Amino acid sequence: MIVSRNLTLLAALNGALAIALGAFAAHGAGPQVKPLLTTGGQYQLVHAVFAFGCAQWVAGGRFARLAGWLGALGGLVFSLSLALIAFLGAPAFGAVAPIGGLLMIAGWVCLAIAALRS
């Protein structure tokens, strides 16, 4: 069985960062930034698990691995763009969040293709 070690590593690091953002949102963030950090952390954590599952699904082939990479990177881009808005007060990063969203959607579409092909 060949498991994608790099994708698993990215998934694990995404999960850790998502928990850190969520903890900060719950215990240290002000009321204005709490929703941004909570939303970003939730999406990132979901896509960390998504990427981990894709990395382990050997029968899914290259589309499953591509799905995992797209989901993990999309979750990271989305989450970090919201965190940058929250921490830096830079609303311009709001233009980056949809890129993360599109990557996550593409990941789910690739997963569907992997399911159809396997």
PDB file of N, CA and C in Angstrom:
ATOM      1  N   MET A   1       0.841  -1.175   0.000  1.00  0.00           N
ATOM      2  CA  MET A   1       0.000   0.000   0.000  1.00  0.00           C
ATOM      3  C   MET A   1       0.892   1.245   0.000  1.00  0.00           C
ATOM      4  N   ILE A   2       0.639   2.149  -0.923  1.00  0.00           N
ATOM      5  CA  ILE A   2       1.394   3.392  -1.007  1.00  0.00           C
ATOM      6  C   ILE A   2       0.495   4.528  -0.520  1.00  0.00           C
ATOM      7  N   VAL A   3       0.944   5.168   0.527  1.00  0.00           N
ATOM      8  CA  VAL A   3       0.212   6.285   1.102  1.00  0.00           C
ATOM      9  C   VAL A   3       1.003   7.557   0.798  1.00  0.00           C
ATOM     10  N   SER A   4       0.299   8.626   0.480  1.00  0.00           N
ATOM     11  CA  SER A   4       0.965   9.891   0.182  1.00  0.00           C
ATOM     12  C   SER A   4       1.445  10.535   1.485  1.00  0.00           C
ATOM     13  N   ARG A   5       2.734  10.381   1.781  1.00  0.00           N
ATOM     14  CA  ARG A   5       3.301  10.900   3.025  1.00  0.00           C
ATOM     15  C   ARG A   5       3.240  12.428   3.079  1.00  0.00           C
ATOM     16  N   ASN A   6       3.553  13.095   1.979  1.00  0.00           N
ATOM     17  CA  ASN A   6       3.542  14.562   1.974  1.00  0.00           C
ATOM     18  C   ASN A   6       2.138  15.122   2.176  1.00  0.00           C
ATOM     19  N   LEU A   7       1.157  14.480   1.557  1.00  0.00           N
ATOM     20  CA  LEU A   7      -0.220  14.926   1.731  1.00  0.00           C
ATOM     21  C   LEU A   7      -0.680  14.670   3.162  1.00  0.00           C
ATOM     22  N   THR A   8      -0.285  13.533   3.727  1.00  0.00           N
ATOM     23  CA  THR A   8      -0.615  13.239   5.117  1.00  0.00           C
ATOM     24  C   THR A   8       0.014  14.278   6.041  1.00  0.00           C
ATOM     25  N   LEU A   9       1.256  14.657   5.769  1.00  0.00           N
ATOM     26  CA  LEU A   9       1.935  15.678   6.569  1.00  0.00           C
ATOM     27  C   LEU A   9       1.199  17.009   6.486  1.00  0.00           C
ATOM     28  N   LEU A  10       0.821  17.426   5.275  1.00  0.00           N
ATOM     29  CA  LEU A  10       0.083  18.681   5.120  1.00  0.00           C
ATOM     30  C   LEU A  10      -1.252  18.612   5.856  1.00  0.00           C
ATOM     31  N   ALA A  11      -1.924  17.485   5.765  1.00  0.00           N
ATOM     32  CA  ALA A  11      -3.202  17.323   6.466  1.00  0.00           C
ATOM     33  C   ALA A  11      -3.008  17.466   7.975  1.00  0.00           C
ATOM     34  N   ALA A  12      -1.963  16.848   8.503  1.00  0.00           N
ATOM     35  CA  ALA A  12      -1.702  16.926   9.941  1.00  0.00           C
ATOM     36  C   ALA A  12      -1.379  18.347  10.378  1.00  0.00           C
ATOM     37  N   LEU A  13      -0.558  19.035   9.601  1.00  0.00           N
ATOM     38  CA  LEU A  13      -0.212  20.414   9.952  1.00  0.00           C
ATOM     39  C   LEU A  13      -1.424  21.337   9.833  1.00  0.00           C
ATOM     40  N   ASN A  14      -2.266  21.100   8.833  1.00  0.00           N
ATOM     41  CA  ASN A  14      -3.510  21.868   8.697  1.00  0.00           C
ATOM     42  C   ASN A  14      -4.395  21.650   9.912  1.00  0.00           C
ATOM     43  N   GLY A  15      -4.505  20.395  10.343  1.00  0.00           N
ATOM     44  CA  GLY A  15      -5.318  20.093  11.514  1.00  0.00           C
ATOM     45  C   GLY A  15      -4.805  20.806  12.753  1.00  0.00           C
ATOM     46  N   ALA A  16      -3.496  20.786  12.955  1.00  0.00           N
ATOM     47  CA  ALA A  16      -2.909  21.461  14.118  1.00  0.00           C
ATOM     48  C   ALA A  16      -3.161  22.965  14.069  1.00  0.00           C
ATOM     49  N   LEU A  17      -2.972  23.566  12.904  1.00  0.00           N
ATOM     50  CA  LEU A  17      -3.203  25.007  12.773  1.00  0.00           C
ATOM     51  C   LEU A  17      -4.678  25.342  12.979  1.00  0.00           C
ATOM     52  N   ALA A  18      -5.558  24.496  12.482  1.00  0.00           N
ATOM     53  CA  ALA A  18      -6.993  24.734  12.652  1.00  0.00           C
ATOM     54  C   ALA A  18      -7.378  24.719  14.129  1.00  0.00           C
ATOM     55  N   ILE A  19      -6.821  23.788  14.885  1.00  0.00           N
ATOM     56  CA  ILE A  19      -7.115  23.723  16.318  1.00  0.00           C
ATOM     57  C   ILE A  19      -6.562  24.963  17.023  1.00  0.00           C
ATOM     58  N   ALA A  20      -5.356  25.396  16.633  1.00  0.00           N
ATOM     59  CA  ALA A  20      -4.772  26.594  17.238  1.00  0.00           C
ATOM     60  C   ALA A  20      -5.629  27.825  16.962  1.00  0.00           C
ATOM     61  N   LEU A  21      -6.095  27.970  15.725  1.00  0.00           N
ATOM     62  CA  LEU A  21      -6.955  29.113  15.391  1.00  0.00           C
ATOM     63  C   LEU A  21      -8.270  29.051  16.161  1.00  0.00           C
ATOM     64  N   GLY A  22      -8.840  27.852  16.241  1.00  0.00           N
ATOM     65  CA  GLY A  22     -10.088  27.696  16.974  1.00  0.00           C
ATOM     66  C   GLY A  22      -9.930  27.992  18.456  1.00  0.00           C
ATOM     67  N   ALA A  23      -8.825  27.547  19.039  1.00  0.00           N
ATOM     68  CA  ALA A  23      -8.573  27.820  20.458  1.00  0.00           C
ATOM     69  C   ALA A  23      -8.389  29.309  20.705  1.00  0.00           C
ATOM     70  N   PHE A  24      -7.657  29.967  19.816  1.00  0.00           N
ATOM     71  CA  PHE A  24      -7.481  31.405  19.970  1.00  0.00           C
ATOM     72  C   PHE A  24      -8.816  32.129  19.816  1.00  0.00           C
ATOM     73  N   ALA A  25      -9.623  31.668  18.862  1.00  0.00           N
ATOM     74  CA  ALA A  25     -10.938  32.281  18.663  1.00  0.00           C
ATOM     75  C   ALA A  25     -11.800  32.131  19.915  1.00  0.00           C
ATOM     76  N   ALA A  26     -11.707  30.981  20.558  1.00  0.00           N
ATOM     77  CA  ALA A  26     -12.542  30.716  21.725  1.00  0.00           C
ATOM     78  C   ALA A  26     -12.040  31.420  22.983  1.00  0.00           C
ATOM     79  N   HIS A  27     -10.721  31.601  23.084  1.00  0.00           N
ATOM     80  CA  HIS A  27     -10.181  32.062  24.365  1.00  0.00           C
ATOM     81  C   HIS A  27      -9.435  33.386  24.327  1.00  0.00           C
ATOM     82  N   GLY A  28      -9.084  33.888  23.152  1.00  0.00           N
ATOM     83  CA  GLY A  28      -8.258  35.089  23.154  1.00  0.00           C
ATOM     84  C   GLY A  28      -8.682  36.166  22.184  1.00  0.00           C
ATOM     85  N   ALA A  29      -9.551  35.830  21.276  1.00  0.00           N
ATOM     86  CA  ALA A  29      -9.910  36.787  20.226  1.00  0.00           C
ATOM     87  C   ALA A  29     -11.029  37.705  20.685  1.00  0.00           C
ATOM     88  N   GLY A  30     -10.993  38.902  20.177  1.00  0.00           N
ATOM     89  CA  GLY A  30     -12.062  39.858  20.447  1.00  0.00           C
ATOM     90  C   GLY A  30     -13.319  39.493  19.672  1.00  0.00           C
ATOM     91  N   PRO A  31     -14.423  40.101  20.038  1.00  0.00           N
ATOM     92  CA  PRO A  31     -15.697  39.746  19.408  1.00  0.00           C
ATOM     93  C   PRO A  31     -15.768  40.038  17.909  1.00  0.00           C
ATOM     94  N   GLN A  32     -14.966  41.007  17.438  1.00  0.00           N
ATOM     95  CA  GLN A  32     -15.011  41.329  16.010  1.00  0.00           C
ATOM     96  C   GLN A  32     -14.325  40.262  15.158  1.00  0.00           C
ATOM     97  N   VAL A  33     -13.272  39.639  15.686  1.00  0.00           N
ATOM     98  CA  VAL A  33     -12.495  38.687  14.883  1.00  0.00           C
ATOM     99  C   VAL A  33     -12.847  37.238  15.174  1.00  0.00           C
ATOM    100  N   LYS A  34     -13.563  36.986  16.254  1.00  0.00           N
ATOM    101  CA  LYS A  34     -13.910  35.607  16.620  1.00  0.00           C
ATOM    102  C   LYS A  34     -14.644  34.859  15.500  1.00  0.00           C
ATOM    103  N   PRO A  35     -15.649  35.462  14.863  1.00  0.00           N
ATOM    104  CA  PRO A  35     -16.340  34.723  13.791  1.00  0.00           C
ATOM    105  C   PRO A  35     -15.424  34.368  12.617  1.00  0.00           C
ATOM    106  N   LEU A  36     -14.515  35.271  12.266  1.00  0.00           N
ATOM    107  CA  LEU A  36     -13.594  34.988  11.162  1.00  0.00           C
ATOM    108  C   LEU A  36     -12.696  33.799  11.491  1.00  0.00           C
ATOM    109  N   LEU A  37     -12.116  33.799  12.675  1.00  0.00           N
ATOM    110  CA  LEU A  37     -11.213  32.726  13.068  1.00  0.00           C
ATOM    111  C   LEU A  37     -11.949  31.407  13.235  1.00  0.00           C
ATOM    112  N   THR A  38     -13.154  31.463  13.777  1.00  0.00           N
ATOM    113  CA  THR A  38     -13.942  30.243  13.957  1.00  0.00           C
ATOM    114  C   THR A  38     -14.299  29.632  12.607  1.00  0.00           C
ATOM    115  N   THR A  39     -14.766  30.448  11.693  1.00  0.00           N
ATOM    116  CA  THR A  39     -15.125  29.947  10.360  1.00  0.00           C
ATOM    117  C   THR A  39     -13.904  29.386   9.643  1.00  0.00           C
ATOM    118  N   GLY A  40     -12.815  30.126   9.650  1.00  0.00           N
ATOM    119  CA  GLY A  40     -11.596  29.655   9.000  1.00  0.00           C
ATOM    120  C   GLY A  40     -11.098  28.352   9.596  1.00  0.00           C
ATOM    121  N   GLY A  41     -11.098  28.257  10.919  1.00  0.00           N
ATOM    122  CA  GLY A  41     -10.654  27.035  11.586  1.00  0.00           C
ATOM    123  C   GLY A  41     -11.525  25.840  11.262  1.00  0.00           C
ATOM    124  N   GLN A  42     -12.831  26.049  11.206  1.00  0.00           N
ATOM    125  CA  GLN A  42     -13.745  24.948  10.895  1.00  0.00           C
ATOM    126  C   GLN A  42     -13.516  24.418   9.478  1.00  0.00           C
ATOM    127  N   TYR A  43     -13.433  25.306   8.518  1.00  0.00           N
ATOM    128  CA  TYR A  43     -13.200  24.876   7.141  1.00  0.00           C
ATOM    129  C   TYR A  43     -11.846  24.186   6.999  1.00  0.00           C
ATOM    130  N   GLN A  44     -10.849  24.729   7.674  1.00  0.00           N
ATOM    131  CA  GLN A  44      -9.512  24.140   7.585  1.00  0.00           C
ATOM    132  C   GLN A  44      -9.490  22.751   8.219  1.00  0.00           C
ATOM    133  N   LEU A  45     -10.150  22.579   9.345  1.00  0.00           N
ATOM    134  CA  LEU A  45     -10.157  21.270  10.008  1.00  0.00           C
ATOM    135  C   LEU A  45     -10.891  20.232   9.170  1.00  0.00           C
ATOM    136  N   VAL A  46     -12.024  20.615   8.616  1.00  0.00           N
ATOM    137  CA  VAL A  46     -12.765  19.683   7.754  1.00  0.00           C
ATOM    138  C   VAL A  46     -11.901  19.235   6.587  1.00  0.00           C
ATOM    139  N   HIS A  47     -11.178  20.169   5.999  1.00  0.00           N
ATOM    140  CA  HIS A  47     -10.377  19.822   4.826  1.00  0.00           C
ATOM    141  C   HIS A  47      -9.054  19.159   5.182  1.00  0.00           C
ATOM    142  N   ALA A  48      -8.622  19.283   6.425  1.00  0.00           N
ATOM    143  CA  ALA A  48      -7.482  18.492   6.897  1.00  0.00           C
ATOM    144  C   ALA A  48      -7.881  17.019   6.962  1.00  0.00           C
ATOM    145  N   VAL A  49      -9.057  16.755   7.499  1.00  0.00           N
ATOM    146  CA  VAL A  49      -9.559  15.373   7.554  1.00  0.00           C
ATOM    147  C   VAL A  49      -9.811  14.845   6.144  1.00  0.00           C
ATOM    148  N   PHE A  50     -10.373  15.687   5.307  1.00  0.00           N
ATOM    149  CA  PHE A  50     -10.608  15.338   3.906  1.00  0.00           C
ATOM    150  C   PHE A  50      -9.300  14.929   3.224  1.00  0.00           C
ATOM    151  N   ALA A  51      -8.260  15.747   3.397  1.00  0.00           N
ATOM    152  CA  ALA A  51      -6.961  15.458   2.772  1.00  0.00           C
ATOM    153  C   ALA A  51      -6.361  14.174   3.325  1.00  0.00           C
ATOM    154  N   PHE A  52      -6.486  13.963   4.622  1.00  0.00           N
ATOM    155  CA  PHE A  52      -5.963  12.739   5.231  1.00  0.00           C
ATOM    156  C   PHE A  52      -6.653  11.514   4.629  1.00  0.00           C
ATOM    157  N   GLY A  53      -7.962  11.579   4.496  1.00  0.00           N
ATOM    158  CA  GLY A  53      -8.697  10.465   3.890  1.00  0.00           C
ATOM    159  C   GLY A  53      -8.274  10.219   2.450  1.00  0.00           C
ATOM    160  N   CYS A  54      -8.092  11.269   1.704  1.00  0.00           N
ATOM    161  CA  CYS A  54      -7.652  11.126   0.311  1.00  0.00           C
ATOM    162  C   CYS A  54      -6.249  10.535   0.223  1.00  0.00           C
ATOM    163  N   ALA A  55      -5.386  10.920   1.162  1.00  0.00           N
ATOM    164  CA  ALA A  55      -4.017  10.401   1.172  1.00  0.00           C
ATOM    165  C   ALA A  55      -3.993   8.903   1.464  1.00  0.00           C
ATOM    166  N   GLN A  56      -4.962   8.432   2.226  1.00  0.00           N
ATOM    167  CA  GLN A  56      -4.994   7.019   2.611  1.00  0.00           C
ATOM    168  C   GLN A  56      -5.709   6.142   1.581  1.00  0.00           C
ATOM    169  N   TRP A  57      -6.531   6.745   0.727  1.00  0.00           N
ATOM    170  CA  TRP A  57      -7.341   5.974  -0.215  1.00  0.00           C
ATOM    171  C   TRP A  57      -6.508   5.637  -1.452  1.00  0.00           C
ATOM    172  N   VAL A  58      -5.803   4.556  -1.357  1.00  0.00           N
ATOM    173  CA  VAL A  58      -4.897   4.146  -2.432  1.00  0.00           C
ATOM    174  C   VAL A  58      -5.665   3.827  -3.712  1.00  0.00           C
ATOM    175  N   ALA A  59      -6.799   3.172  -3.594  1.00  0.00           N
ATOM    176  CA  ALA A  59      -7.576   2.778  -4.776  1.00  0.00           C
ATOM    177  C   ALA A  59      -8.126   3.985  -5.532  1.00  0.00           C
ATOM    178  N   GLY A  60      -8.160   5.138  -4.894  1.00  0.00           N
ATOM    179  CA  GLY A  60      -8.667   6.330  -5.556  1.00  0.00           C
ATOM    180  C   GLY A  60      -7.728   6.870  -6.621  1.00  0.00           C
ATOM    181  N   GLY A  61      -6.470   6.453  -6.574  1.00  0.00           N
ATOM    182  CA  GLY A  61      -5.511   6.860  -7.589  1.00  0.00           C
ATOM    183  C   GLY A  61      -5.179   8.337  -7.560  1.00  0.00           C
ATOM    184  N   ARG A  62      -4.754   8.815  -8.718  1.00  0.00           N
ATOM    185  CA  ARG A  62      -4.257  10.187  -8.787  1.00  0.00           C
ATOM    186  C   ARG A  62      -5.341  11.225  -8.547  1.00  0.00           C
ATOM    187  N   PHE A  63      -6.594  10.927  -8.895  1.00  0.00           N
ATOM    188  CA  PHE A  63      -7.657  11.903  -8.656  1.00  0.00           C
ATOM    189  C   PHE A  63      -7.934  12.062  -7.163  1.00  0.00           C
ATOM    190  N   ALA A  64      -7.808  10.987  -6.397  1.00  0.00           N
ATOM    191  CA  ALA A  64      -7.988  11.092  -4.947  1.00  0.00           C
ATOM    192  C   ALA A  64      -6.861  11.915  -4.335  1.00  0.00           C
ATOM    193  N   ARG A  65      -5.640  11.682  -4.791  1.00  0.00           N
ATOM    194  CA  ARG A  65      -4.523  12.468  -4.267  1.00  0.00           C
ATOM    195  C   ARG A  65      -4.663  13.943  -4.665  1.00  0.00           C
ATOM    196  N   LEU A  66      -5.039  14.190  -5.916  1.00  0.00           N
ATOM    197  CA  LEU A  66      -5.265  15.566  -6.362  1.00  0.00           C
ATOM    198  C   LEU A  66      -6.371  16.213  -5.531  1.00  0.00           C
ATOM    199  N   ALA A  67      -7.422  15.471  -5.259  1.00  0.00           N
ATOM    200  CA  ALA A  67      -8.513  15.989  -4.432  1.00  0.00           C
ATOM    201  C   ALA A  67      -7.992  16.401  -3.062  1.00  0.00           C
ATOM    202  N   GLY A  68      -7.158  15.554  -2.476  1.00  0.00           N
ATOM    203  CA  GLY A  68      -6.608  15.861  -1.166  1.00  0.00           C
ATOM    204  C   GLY A  68      -5.757  17.114  -1.171  1.00  0.00           C
ATOM    205  N   TRP A  69      -4.897  17.235  -2.172  1.00  0.00           N
ATOM    206  CA  TRP A  69      -4.046  18.429  -2.274  1.00  0.00           C
ATOM    207  C   TRP A  69      -4.889  19.690  -2.463  1.00  0.00           C
ATOM    208  N   LEU A  70      -5.879  19.614  -3.342  1.00  0.00           N
ATOM    209  CA  LEU A  70      -6.729  20.783  -3.579  1.00  0.00           C
ATOM    210  C   LEU A  70      -7.493  21.165  -2.314  1.00  0.00           C
ATOM    211  N   GLY A  71      -8.047  20.164  -1.630  1.00  0.00           N
ATOM    212  CA  GLY A  71      -8.791  20.432  -0.405  1.00  0.00           C
ATOM    213  C   GLY A  71      -7.914  21.018   0.689  1.00  0.00           C
ATOM    214  N   ALA A  72      -6.740  20.423   0.875  1.00  0.00           N
ATOM    215  CA  ALA A  72      -5.834  20.900   1.929  1.00  0.00           C
ATOM    216  C   ALA A  72      -5.332  22.309   1.634  1.00  0.00           C
ATOM    217  N   LEU A  73      -4.929  22.554   0.406  1.00  0.00           N
ATOM    218  CA  LEU A  73      -4.445  23.895   0.051  1.00  0.00           C
ATOM    219  C   LEU A  73      -5.575  24.917   0.086  1.00  0.00           C
ATOM    220  N   GLY A  74      -6.746  24.504  -0.376  1.00  0.00           N
ATOM    221  CA  GLY A  74      -7.893  25.409  -0.329  1.00  0.00           C
ATOM    222  C   GLY A  74      -8.274  25.778   1.095  1.00  0.00           C
ATOM    223  N   GLY A  75      -8.285  24.789   1.976  1.00  0.00           N
ATOM    224  CA  GLY A  75      -8.588  25.063   3.380  1.00  0.00           C
ATOM    225  C   GLY A  75      -7.561  25.990   4.003  1.00  0.00           C
ATOM    226  N   LEU A  76      -6.301  25.775   3.652  1.00  0.00           N
ATOM    227  CA  LEU A  76      -5.232  26.607   4.180  1.00  0.00           C
ATOM    228  C   LEU A  76      -5.338  28.051   3.671  1.00  0.00           C
ATOM    229  N   VAL A  77      -5.547  28.210   2.376  1.00  0.00           N
ATOM    230  CA  VAL A  77      -5.664  29.556   1.789  1.00  0.00           C
ATOM    231  C   VAL A  77      -6.870  30.283   2.375  1.00  0.00           C
ATOM    232  N   PHE A  78      -8.000  29.603   2.457  1.00  0.00           N
ATOM    233  CA  PHE A  78      -9.222  30.205   2.985  1.00  0.00           C
ATOM    234  C   PHE A  78      -9.026  30.624   4.443  1.00  0.00           C
ATOM    235  N   SER A  79      -8.526  29.700   5.232  1.00  0.00           N
ATOM    236  CA  SER A  79      -8.337  29.954   6.656  1.00  0.00           C
ATOM    237  C   SER A  79      -7.335  31.077   6.906  1.00  0.00           C
ATOM    238  N   LEU A  80      -6.204  31.013   6.220  1.00  0.00           N
ATOM    239  CA  LEU A  80      -5.187  32.045   6.437  1.00  0.00           C
ATOM    240  C   LEU A  80      -5.645  33.417   5.957  1.00  0.00           C
ATOM    241  N   SER A  81      -6.428  33.457   4.892  1.00  0.00           N
ATOM    242  CA  SER A  81      -6.920  34.768   4.435  1.00  0.00           C
ATOM    243  C   SER A  81      -7.840  35.380   5.485  1.00  0.00           C
ATOM    244  N   LEU A  82      -8.704  34.566   6.111  1.00  0.00           N
ATOM    245  CA  LEU A  82      -9.568  35.093   7.169  1.00  0.00           C
ATOM    246  C   LEU A  82      -8.754  35.495   8.398  1.00  0.00           C
ATOM    247  N   ALA A  83      -7.728  34.690   8.718  1.00  0.00           N
ATOM    248  CA  ALA A  83      -6.876  35.015   9.863  1.00  0.00           C
ATOM    249  C   ALA A  83      -6.124  36.327   9.625  1.00  0.00           C
ATOM    250  N   LEU A  84      -5.659  36.541   8.413  1.00  0.00           N
ATOM    251  CA  LEU A  84      -4.952  37.790   8.108  1.00  0.00           C
ATOM    252  C   LEU A  84      -5.886  38.995   8.201  1.00  0.00           C
ATOM    253  N   ILE A  85      -7.123  38.806   7.795  1.00  0.00           N
ATOM    254  CA  ILE A  85      -8.102  39.885   7.966  1.00  0.00           C
ATOM    255  C   ILE A  85      -8.270  40.175   9.456  1.00  0.00           C
ATOM    256  N   ALA A  86      -8.383  39.102  10.245  1.00  0.00           N
ATOM    257  CA  ALA A  86      -8.613  39.260  11.680  1.00  0.00           C
ATOM    258  C   ALA A  86      -7.408  39.873  12.386  1.00  0.00           C
ATOM    259  N   PHE A  87      -6.215  39.363  12.113  1.00  0.00           N
ATOM    260  CA  PHE A  87      -5.025  39.796  12.847  1.00  0.00           C
ATOM    261  C   PHE A  87      -4.465  41.129  12.359  1.00  0.00           C
ATOM    262  N   LEU A  88      -4.511  41.344  11.061  1.00  0.00           N
ATOM    263  CA  LEU A  88      -3.916  42.555  10.507  1.00  0.00           C
ATOM    264  C   LEU A  88      -4.931  43.658  10.232  1.00  0.00           C
ATOM    265  N   GLY A  89      -6.205  43.303  10.291  1.00  0.00           N
ATOM    266  CA  GLY A  89      -7.223  44.283   9.950  1.00  0.00           C
ATOM    267  C   GLY A  89      -7.127  44.707   8.496  1.00  0.00           C
ATOM    268  N   ALA A  90      -6.746  43.744   7.647  1.00  0.00           N
ATOM    269  CA  ALA A  90      -6.534  44.041   6.227  1.00  0.00           C
ATOM    270  C   ALA A  90      -7.653  43.391   5.405  1.00  0.00           C
ATOM    271  N   PRO A  91      -8.734  44.118   5.158  1.00  0.00           N
ATOM    272  CA  PRO A  91      -9.855  43.530   4.426  1.00  0.00           C
ATOM    273  C   PRO A  91      -9.519  43.132   2.989  1.00  0.00           C
ATOM    274  N   ALA A  92      -8.402  43.604   2.466  1.00  0.00           N
ATOM    275  CA  ALA A  92      -8.010  43.233   1.101  1.00  0.00           C
ATOM    276  C   ALA A  92      -7.802  41.735   0.970  1.00  0.00           C
ATOM    277  N   PHE A  93      -7.451  41.055   2.077  1.00  0.00           N
ATOM    278  CA  PHE A  93      -7.277  39.609   2.025  1.00  0.00           C
ATOM    279  C   PHE A  93      -8.604  38.880   1.816  1.00  0.00           C
ATOM    280  N   GLY A  94      -9.708  39.599   1.930  1.00  0.00           N
ATOM    281  CA  GLY A  94     -11.010  39.011   1.633  1.00  0.00           C
ATOM    282  C   GLY A  94     -11.123  38.583   0.182  1.00  0.00           C
ATOM    283  N   ALA A  95     -10.334  39.192  -0.674  1.00  0.00           N
ATOM    284  CA  ALA A  95     -10.328  38.810  -2.089  1.00  0.00           C
ATOM    285  C   ALA A  95      -9.625  37.476  -2.309  1.00  0.00           C
ATOM    286  N   VAL A  96      -8.835  37.021  -1.348  1.00  0.00           N
ATOM    287  CA  VAL A  96      -8.107  35.760  -1.468  1.00  0.00           C
ATOM    288  C   VAL A  96      -8.977  34.583  -1.021  1.00  0.00           C
ATOM    289  N   ALA A  97      -9.885  34.818  -0.088  1.00  0.00           N
ATOM    290  CA  ALA A  97     -10.720  33.744   0.454  1.00  0.00           C
ATOM    291  C   ALA A  97     -11.471  32.951  -0.627  1.00  0.00           C
ATOM    292  N   PRO A  98     -12.053  33.587  -1.644  1.00  0.00           N
ATOM    293  CA  PRO A  98     -12.744  32.814  -2.671  1.00  0.00           C
ATOM    294  C   PRO A  98     -11.828  31.865  -3.455  1.00  0.00           C
ATOM    295  N   ILE A  99     -10.550  32.196  -3.541  1.00  0.00           N
ATOM    296  CA  ILE A  99      -9.612  31.284  -4.204  1.00  0.00           C
ATOM    297  C   ILE A  99      -9.527  29.990  -3.405  1.00  0.00           C
ATOM    298  N   GLY A 100      -9.422  30.128  -2.082  1.00  0.00           N
ATOM    299  CA  GLY A 100      -9.436  28.944  -1.230  1.00  0.00           C
ATOM    300  C   GLY A 100     -10.727  28.162  -1.382  1.00  0.00           C
ATOM    301  N   GLY A 101     -11.835  28.873  -1.454  1.00  0.00           N
ATOM    302  CA  GLY A 101     -13.127  28.208  -1.644  1.00  0.00           C
ATOM    303  C   GLY A 101     -13.200  27.439  -2.948  1.00  0.00           C
ATOM    304  N   LEU A 102     -12.695  28.038  -4.012  1.00  0.00           N
ATOM    305  CA  LEU A 102     -12.686  27.350  -5.311  1.00  0.00           C
ATOM    306  C   LEU A 102     -11.796  26.110  -5.278  1.00  0.00           C
ATOM    307  N   LEU A 103     -10.655  26.200  -4.592  1.00  0.00           N
ATOM    308  CA  LEU A 103      -9.782  25.028  -4.471  1.00  0.00           C
ATOM    309  C   LEU A 103     -10.478  23.904  -3.705  1.00  0.00           C
ATOM    310  N   MET A 104     -11.194  24.261  -2.638  1.00  0.00           N
ATOM    311  CA  MET A 104     -11.913  23.237  -1.871  1.00  0.00           C
ATOM    312  C   MET A 104     -13.003  22.585  -2.725  1.00  0.00           C
ATOM    313  N   ILE A 105     -13.739  23.383  -3.458  1.00  0.00           N
ATOM    314  CA  ILE A 105     -14.786  22.835  -4.336  1.00  0.00           C
ATOM    315  C   ILE A 105     -14.160  21.918  -5.375  1.00  0.00           C
ATOM    316  N   ALA A 106     -13.051  22.345  -5.976  1.00  0.00           N
ATOM    317  CA  ALA A 106     -12.368  21.509  -6.968  1.00  0.00           C
ATOM    318  C   ALA A 106     -11.914  20.187  -6.348  1.00  0.00           C
ATOM    319  N   GLY A 107     -11.486  20.232  -5.097  1.00  0.00           N
ATOM    320  CA  GLY A 107     -11.098  19.013  -4.408  1.00  0.00           C
ATOM    321  C   GLY A 107     -12.256  18.035  -4.286  1.00  0.00           C
ATOM    322  N   TRP A 108     -13.411  18.529  -3.923  1.00  0.00           N
ATOM    323  CA  TRP A 108     -14.581  17.647  -3.811  1.00  0.00           C
ATOM    324  C   TRP A 108     -14.994  17.092  -5.177  1.00  0.00           C
ATOM    325  N   VAL A 109     -14.875  17.896  -6.220  1.00  0.00           N
ATOM    326  CA  VAL A 109     -15.192  17.408  -7.573  1.00  0.00           C
ATOM    327  C   VAL A 109     -14.208  16.314  -7.980  1.00  0.00           C
ATOM    328  N   CYS A 110     -12.932  16.512  -7.694  1.00  0.00           N
ATOM    329  CA  CYS A 110     -11.928  15.477  -8.002  1.00  0.00           C
ATOM    330  C   CYS A 110     -12.193  14.212  -7.213  1.00  0.00           C
ATOM    331  N   LEU A 111     -12.648  14.346  -5.983  1.00  0.00           N
ATOM    332  CA  LEU A 111     -12.989  13.161  -5.196  1.00  0.00           C
ATOM    333  C   LEU A 111     -14.146  12.406  -5.841  1.00  0.00           C
ATOM    334  N   ALA A 112     -15.125  13.134  -6.359  1.00  0.00           N
ATOM    335  CA  ALA A 112     -16.238  12.493  -7.047  1.00  0.00           C
ATOM    336  C   ALA A 112     -15.749  11.756  -8.297  1.00  0.00           C
ATOM    337  N   ILE A 113     -14.837  12.362  -9.023  1.00  0.00           N
ATOM    338  CA  ILE A 113     -14.273  11.716 -10.208  1.00  0.00           C
ATOM    339  C   ILE A 113     -13.512  10.461  -9.800  1.00  0.00           C
ATOM    340  N   ALA A 114     -12.751  10.545  -8.720  1.00  0.00           N
ATOM    341  CA  ALA A 114     -12.007   9.365  -8.223  1.00  0.00           C
ATOM    342  C   ALA A 114     -12.972   8.243  -7.862  1.00  0.00           C
ATOM    343  N   ALA A 115     -14.093   8.602  -7.245  1.00  0.00           N
ATOM    344  CA  ALA A 115     -15.080   7.586  -6.880  1.00  0.00           C
ATOM    345  C   ALA A 115     -15.699   6.924  -8.097  1.00  0.00           C
ATOM    346  N   LEU A 116     -15.945   7.710  -9.123  1.00  0.00           N
ATOM    347  CA  LEU A 116     -16.516   7.155 -10.353  1.00  0.00           C
ATOM    348  C   LEU A 116     -15.523   6.261 -11.089  1.00  0.00           C
ATOM    349  N   ARG A 117     -14.250   6.590 -11.022  1.00  0.00           N
ATOM    350  CA  ARG A 117     -13.236   5.857 -11.759  1.00  0.00           C
ATOM    351  C   ARG A 117     -12.740   4.606 -11.046  1.00  0.00           C
ATOM    352  N   SER A 118     -12.884   4.547  -9.725  1.00  0.00           N
ATOM    353  CA  SER A 118     -12.307   3.403  -8.995  1.00  0.00           C
ATOM    354  C   SER A 118     -13.219   2.186  -9.050  1.00  0.00           C
TER     355      SER A 118
END
